[in-house]
Amino acid sequence: MWRLPSVSRKLLLTAMVALLGGCGEPAPESLTRGDELYDYYCRNCHQQKGLGPFLEQLPLTSTSLKRHEISLLITRGYPRRHHDMPVFSQLSLEQADALAHFILQQRRRNTDSR
């Protein structure tokens, strides 16, 4: 029976693990861009439509939710008004900020296109 030398087996095993590890979607904790985070965490509930009725129906004014407030809403929730939206406490501060920034960009685009 033919056998690979020990070093060759280790290299082959390492290569297989690396190739298989690269298959599929990236792990959510590795996502950093707002659009990626939105696609992973938000799009299923918001169904390609956008930002949800709370952000879409309100005009952009000086009293609109700010970036840090949206970030807190995402990671801590707001049970008095948004009890249907899940809390995403697993997001890092950077991820929540990137997601909030993306949401505000989309909101501005939606407002400009009206």
N, C-alpha and C. Protein backbone atom coordinates (compact mmCIF):
# COMPACT_ATOMS: atom_id res chain seq x y z
N MET A 1 0.83 -1.17 0.00
CA MET A 1 0.00 0.00 0.00
C MET A 1 0.88 1.24 0.00
N TRP A 2 0.50 2.22 -0.77
CA TRP A 2 1.27 3.46 -0.92
C TRP A 2 0.91 4.42 0.20
N ARG A 3 1.90 5.05 0.86
CA ARG A 3 1.66 5.99 1.96
C ARG A 3 2.44 7.27 1.72
N LEU A 4 1.80 8.37 2.06
CA LEU A 4 2.47 9.67 1.97
C LEU A 4 3.39 9.84 3.17
N PRO A 5 4.50 10.49 2.97
CA PRO A 5 5.34 10.81 4.12
C PRO A 5 4.57 11.69 5.11
N SER A 6 4.95 11.67 6.36
CA SER A 6 4.25 12.38 7.43
C SER A 6 4.11 13.87 7.12
N VAL A 7 5.14 14.51 6.63
CA VAL A 7 5.10 15.94 6.32
C VAL A 7 4.09 16.21 5.21
N SER A 8 4.07 15.36 4.20
CA SER A 8 3.13 15.54 3.09
C SER A 8 1.69 15.38 3.56
N ARG A 9 1.44 14.43 4.46
CA ARG A 9 0.09 14.24 4.99
C ARG A 9 -0.36 15.49 5.76
N LYS A 10 0.55 16.05 6.55
CA LYS A 10 0.20 17.25 7.32
C LYS A 10 -0.10 18.43 6.40
N LEU A 11 0.71 18.59 5.35
CA LEU A 11 0.47 19.67 4.39
C LEU A 11 -0.86 19.48 3.66
N LEU A 12 -1.13 18.24 3.26
CA LEU A 12 -2.38 17.95 2.57
C LEU A 12 -3.57 18.21 3.47
N LEU A 13 -3.49 17.80 4.72
CA LEU A 13 -4.56 18.03 5.68
C LEU A 13 -4.77 19.52 5.91
N THR A 14 -3.68 20.26 6.07
CA THR A 14 -3.77 21.71 6.27
C THR A 14 -4.42 22.38 5.06
N ALA A 15 -4.04 21.97 3.85
CA ALA A 15 -4.61 22.54 2.63
C ALA A 15 -6.10 22.23 2.53
N MET A 16 -6.50 21.02 2.89
CA MET A 16 -7.91 20.64 2.83
C MET A 16 -8.74 21.46 3.82
N VAL A 17 -8.22 21.64 5.02
CA VAL A 17 -8.93 22.43 6.03
C VAL A 17 -9.07 23.88 5.56
N ALA A 18 -8.01 24.42 4.99
CA ALA A 18 -8.06 25.80 4.51
C ALA A 18 -9.08 25.95 3.38
N LEU A 19 -9.11 25.00 2.47
CA LEU A 19 -10.05 25.06 1.35
C LEU A 19 -11.49 24.91 1.83
N LEU A 20 -11.72 23.95 2.70
CA LEU A 20 -13.07 23.73 3.20
C LEU A 20 -13.53 24.87 4.09
N GLY A 21 -12.63 25.47 4.82
CA GLY A 21 -12.97 26.60 5.67
C GLY A 21 -13.38 27.82 4.87
N GLY A 22 -12.95 27.90 3.63
CA GLY A 22 -13.28 29.03 2.78
C GLY A 22 -14.61 28.88 2.08
N CYS A 23 -15.25 27.74 2.23
CA CYS A 23 -16.54 27.50 1.58
C CYS A 23 -17.67 28.15 2.37
N GLY A 24 -18.71 28.51 1.67
CA GLY A 24 -19.89 29.03 2.33
C GLY A 24 -19.78 30.51 2.64
N GLU A 25 -20.69 30.96 3.47
CA GLU A 25 -20.74 32.37 3.83
C GLU A 25 -19.74 32.68 4.93
N PRO A 26 -19.29 33.92 4.97
CA PRO A 26 -18.36 34.29 6.04
C PRO A 26 -19.06 34.26 7.40
N ALA A 27 -18.29 34.05 8.43
CA ALA A 27 -18.83 34.05 9.78
C ALA A 27 -19.34 35.46 10.09
N PRO A 28 -20.49 35.59 10.75
CA PRO A 28 -21.05 36.93 10.99
C PRO A 28 -20.13 37.85 11.78
N GLU A 29 -19.32 37.28 12.67
CA GLU A 29 -18.43 38.14 13.45
C GLU A 29 -17.31 38.73 12.60
N SER A 30 -17.11 38.20 11.39
CA SER A 30 -16.07 38.74 10.52
C SER A 30 -16.60 39.84 9.60
N LEU A 31 -17.90 40.06 9.58
CA LEU A 31 -18.48 41.09 8.72
C LEU A 31 -18.17 42.47 9.29
N THR A 32 -17.80 43.40 8.42
CA THR A 32 -17.44 44.74 8.88
C THR A 32 -18.18 45.85 8.13
N ARG A 33 -18.63 45.58 6.92
CA ARG A 33 -19.30 46.61 6.12
C ARG A 33 -20.78 46.64 6.45
N GLY A 34 -21.35 47.83 6.47
CA GLY A 34 -22.75 48.01 6.79
C GLY A 34 -23.69 47.24 5.88
N ASP A 35 -23.41 47.23 4.58
CA ASP A 35 -24.28 46.51 3.65
C ASP A 35 -24.26 45.01 3.90
N GLU A 36 -23.09 44.46 4.23
CA GLU A 36 -22.98 43.03 4.55
C GLU A 36 -23.76 42.71 5.82
N LEU A 37 -23.60 43.55 6.82
CA LEU A 37 -24.30 43.35 8.09
C LEU A 37 -25.81 43.44 7.90
N TYR A 38 -26.25 44.42 7.10
CA TYR A 38 -27.67 44.57 6.83
C TYR A 38 -28.21 43.32 6.12
N ASP A 39 -27.48 42.84 5.13
CA ASP A 39 -27.91 41.64 4.41
C ASP A 39 -28.01 40.44 5.34
N TYR A 40 -27.07 40.31 6.25
CA TYR A 40 -27.03 39.15 7.14
C TYR A 40 -28.08 39.24 8.25
N TYR A 41 -28.19 40.38 8.89
CA TYR A 41 -29.03 40.49 10.08
C TYR A 41 -30.42 41.09 9.82
N CYS A 42 -30.58 41.93 8.82
CA CYS A 42 -31.79 42.74 8.71
C CYS A 42 -32.70 42.39 7.54
N ARG A 43 -32.10 42.02 6.43
CA ARG A 43 -32.86 41.92 5.19
C ARG A 43 -34.03 40.92 5.27
N ASN A 44 -33.87 39.82 5.99
CA ASN A 44 -34.96 38.84 6.05
C ASN A 44 -36.24 39.46 6.59
N CYS A 45 -36.14 40.22 7.66
CA CYS A 45 -37.34 40.84 8.23
C CYS A 45 -37.79 42.06 7.44
N HIS A 46 -36.85 42.81 6.93
CA HIS A 46 -37.20 44.02 6.20
C HIS A 46 -37.47 43.73 4.73
N GLN A 47 -37.30 42.48 4.33
CA GLN A 47 -37.71 41.95 3.03
C GLN A 47 -37.37 42.82 1.83
N GLN A 48 -36.12 43.09 1.68
CA GLN A 48 -35.65 43.84 0.52
C GLN A 48 -36.23 45.24 0.46
N LYS A 49 -37.21 45.54 1.26
CA LYS A 49 -37.95 46.80 1.16
C LYS A 49 -37.17 47.98 1.69
N GLY A 50 -36.46 47.76 2.76
CA GLY A 50 -35.76 48.92 3.25
C GLY A 50 -35.58 48.94 4.74
N LEU A 51 -35.86 50.05 5.32
CA LEU A 51 -35.42 50.32 6.68
C LEU A 51 -36.46 50.06 7.76
N GLY A 52 -37.65 49.70 7.39
CA GLY A 52 -38.69 49.50 8.38
C GLY A 52 -39.55 50.73 8.51
N PRO A 53 -40.78 50.55 8.94
CA PRO A 53 -41.73 51.66 8.95
C PRO A 53 -41.31 52.82 9.86
N PHE A 54 -40.62 52.54 10.96
CA PHE A 54 -40.27 53.63 11.87
C PHE A 54 -39.31 54.62 11.21
N LEU A 55 -38.31 54.13 10.49
CA LEU A 55 -37.36 55.03 9.85
C LEU A 55 -37.84 55.53 8.50
N GLU A 56 -38.64 54.76 7.80
CA GLU A 56 -39.06 55.17 6.46
C GLU A 56 -40.16 56.22 6.48
N GLN A 57 -41.01 56.20 7.49
CA GLN A 57 -42.16 57.10 7.48
C GLN A 57 -41.89 58.46 8.11
N LEU A 58 -40.78 58.58 8.79
CA LEU A 58 -40.47 59.85 9.43
C LEU A 58 -39.58 60.70 8.53
N PRO A 59 -39.86 61.99 8.42
CA PRO A 59 -38.98 62.85 7.62
C PRO A 59 -37.63 63.03 8.31
N LEU A 60 -36.62 63.28 7.52
CA LEU A 60 -35.30 63.58 8.08
C LEU A 60 -35.30 65.02 8.58
N THR A 61 -35.10 65.17 9.87
CA THR A 61 -35.06 66.50 10.47
C THR A 61 -33.92 66.53 11.48
N SER A 62 -33.76 67.66 12.12
CA SER A 62 -32.71 67.77 13.14
C SER A 62 -33.01 66.90 14.36
N THR A 63 -34.26 66.45 14.50
CA THR A 63 -34.61 65.59 15.64
C THR A 63 -34.66 64.10 15.26
N SER A 64 -34.30 63.78 14.01
CA SER A 64 -34.27 62.37 13.59
C SER A 64 -33.25 61.60 14.40
N LEU A 65 -33.44 60.30 14.44
CA LEU A 65 -32.47 59.46 15.15
C LEU A 65 -31.07 59.68 14.59
N LYS A 66 -30.13 59.83 15.48
CA LYS A 66 -28.71 59.99 15.10
C LYS A 66 -28.06 58.62 15.00
N ARG A 67 -26.88 58.61 14.44
CA ARG A 67 -26.15 57.37 14.21
C ARG A 67 -25.97 56.57 15.49
N HIS A 68 -25.55 57.23 16.56
CA HIS A 68 -25.33 56.50 17.82
C HIS A 68 -26.64 56.00 18.40
N GLU A 69 -27.74 56.69 18.15
CA GLU A 69 -29.04 56.23 18.65
C GLU A 69 -29.52 55.00 17.89
N ILE A 70 -29.28 54.97 16.59
CA ILE A 70 -29.62 53.80 15.79
C ILE A 70 -28.77 52.61 16.23
N SER A 71 -27.50 52.86 16.48
CA SER A 71 -26.60 51.81 16.95
C SER A 71 -27.10 51.23 18.28
N LEU A 72 -27.52 52.08 19.19
CA LEU A 72 -28.06 51.61 20.47
C LEU A 72 -29.37 50.86 20.28
N LEU A 73 -30.22 51.32 19.39
CA LEU A 73 -31.46 50.63 19.10
C LEU A 73 -31.19 49.22 18.59
N ILE A 74 -30.18 49.07 17.75
CA ILE A 74 -29.81 47.77 17.19
C ILE A 74 -29.28 46.83 18.27
N THR A 75 -28.39 47.34 19.11
CA THR A 75 -27.69 46.47 20.06
C THR A 75 -28.38 46.35 21.42
N ARG A 76 -29.22 47.31 21.77
CA ARG A 76 -29.86 47.27 23.10
C ARG A 76 -31.38 47.15 23.01
N GLY A 77 -31.93 47.55 21.87
CA GLY A 77 -33.38 47.47 21.70
C GLY A 77 -34.09 48.68 22.25
N TYR A 78 -35.37 48.71 22.03
CA TYR A 78 -36.23 49.77 22.52
C TYR A 78 -37.61 49.15 22.74
N PRO A 79 -37.77 48.40 23.83
CA PRO A 79 -38.96 47.58 24.02
C PRO A 79 -40.28 48.35 24.11
N ARG A 80 -40.23 49.61 24.48
CA ARG A 80 -41.49 50.37 24.59
C ARG A 80 -42.12 50.65 23.24
N ARG A 81 -41.30 50.76 22.20
CA ARG A 81 -41.86 51.11 20.89
C ARG A 81 -41.55 50.10 19.81
N HIS A 82 -40.46 49.39 19.94
CA HIS A 82 -40.04 48.48 18.87
C HIS A 82 -39.90 47.06 19.41
N HIS A 83 -40.96 46.57 19.99
CA HIS A 83 -40.91 45.25 20.62
C HIS A 83 -40.82 44.11 19.61
N ASP A 84 -41.13 44.34 18.35
CA ASP A 84 -41.05 43.29 17.34
C ASP A 84 -39.64 43.10 16.80
N MET A 85 -38.80 44.09 16.96
CA MET A 85 -37.44 43.99 16.42
C MET A 85 -36.52 43.29 17.42
N PRO A 86 -35.79 42.28 16.96
CA PRO A 86 -34.87 41.61 17.87
C PRO A 86 -33.68 42.51 18.23
N VAL A 87 -33.04 42.18 19.32
CA VAL A 87 -31.84 42.90 19.76
C VAL A 87 -30.63 42.12 19.26
N PHE A 88 -29.66 42.82 18.74
CA PHE A 88 -28.45 42.19 18.19
C PHE A 88 -27.25 42.53 19.08
N SER A 89 -27.30 42.05 20.29
CA SER A 89 -26.25 42.34 21.27
C SER A 89 -24.92 41.69 20.93
N GLN A 90 -24.92 40.73 20.01
CA GLN A 90 -23.68 40.06 19.62
C GLN A 90 -22.81 40.93 18.71
N LEU A 91 -23.35 42.01 18.20
CA LEU A 91 -22.57 42.89 17.32
C LEU A 91 -21.55 43.68 18.14
N SER A 92 -20.38 43.84 17.57
CA SER A 92 -19.38 44.70 18.21
C SER A 92 -19.80 46.15 18.03
N LEU A 93 -19.16 47.04 18.77
CA LEU A 93 -19.46 48.47 18.61
C LEU A 93 -19.19 48.93 17.18
N GLU A 94 -18.12 48.42 16.59
CA GLU A 94 -17.76 48.80 15.22
C GLU A 94 -18.80 48.30 14.22
N GLN A 95 -19.26 47.06 14.42
CA GLN A 95 -20.28 46.51 13.52
C GLN A 95 -21.59 47.30 13.63
N ALA A 96 -22.01 47.59 14.85
CA ALA A 96 -23.25 48.34 15.06
C ALA A 96 -23.14 49.73 14.43
N ASP A 97 -21.99 50.36 14.56
CA ASP A 97 -21.78 51.68 13.98
C ASP A 97 -21.80 51.61 12.46
N ALA A 98 -21.17 50.60 11.88
CA ALA A 98 -21.17 50.43 10.42
C ALA A 98 -22.60 50.20 9.92
N LEU A 99 -23.36 49.42 10.64
CA LEU A 99 -24.74 49.16 10.27
C LEU A 99 -25.59 50.43 10.37
N ALA A 100 -25.42 51.17 11.45
CA ALA A 100 -26.15 52.43 11.62
C ALA A 100 -25.79 53.42 10.51
N HIS A 101 -24.52 53.50 10.15
CA HIS A 101 -24.08 54.38 9.07
C HIS A 101 -24.74 53.97 7.75
N PHE A 102 -24.77 52.69 7.47
CA PHE A 102 -25.40 52.19 6.24
C PHE A 102 -26.89 52.54 6.22
N ILE A 103 -27.55 52.36 7.35
CA ILE A 103 -28.99 52.67 7.44
C ILE A 103 -29.24 54.14 7.16
N LEU A 104 -28.42 55.00 7.73
CA LEU A 104 -28.59 56.44 7.47
C LEU A 104 -28.32 56.79 6.01
N GLN A 105 -27.34 56.14 5.40
CA GLN A 105 -27.08 56.37 3.97
C GLN A 105 -28.30 55.97 3.13
N GLN A 106 -28.87 54.81 3.44
CA GLN A 106 -30.05 54.33 2.71
C GLN A 106 -31.23 55.27 2.93
N ARG A 107 -31.36 55.74 4.12
CA ARG A 107 -32.46 56.65 4.44
C ARG A 107 -32.34 57.95 3.64
N ARG A 108 -31.13 58.46 3.56
CA ARG A 108 -30.91 59.70 2.78
C ARG A 108 -31.21 59.45 1.29
N ARG A 109 -30.80 58.30 0.80
CA ARG A 109 -31.07 57.98 -0.62
C ARG A 109 -32.58 57.88 -0.85
N ASN A 110 -33.27 57.23 0.07
CA ASN A 110 -34.73 57.10 -0.06
C ASN A 110 -35.40 58.46 -0.04
N THR A 111 -34.95 59.34 0.83
CA THR A 111 -35.52 60.68 0.94
C THR A 111 -35.23 61.51 -0.31
N ASP A 112 -34.00 61.40 -0.84
CA ASP A 112 -33.62 62.16 -2.03
C ASP A 112 -34.38 61.70 -3.27
N SER A 113 -34.78 60.44 -3.33
CA SER A 113 -35.44 59.92 -4.51
C SER A 113 -36.94 60.19 -4.52
N ARG A 114 -37.47 60.76 -3.44
CA ARG A 114 -38.92 61.04 -3.38
C ARG A 114 -39.28 62.30 -4.10
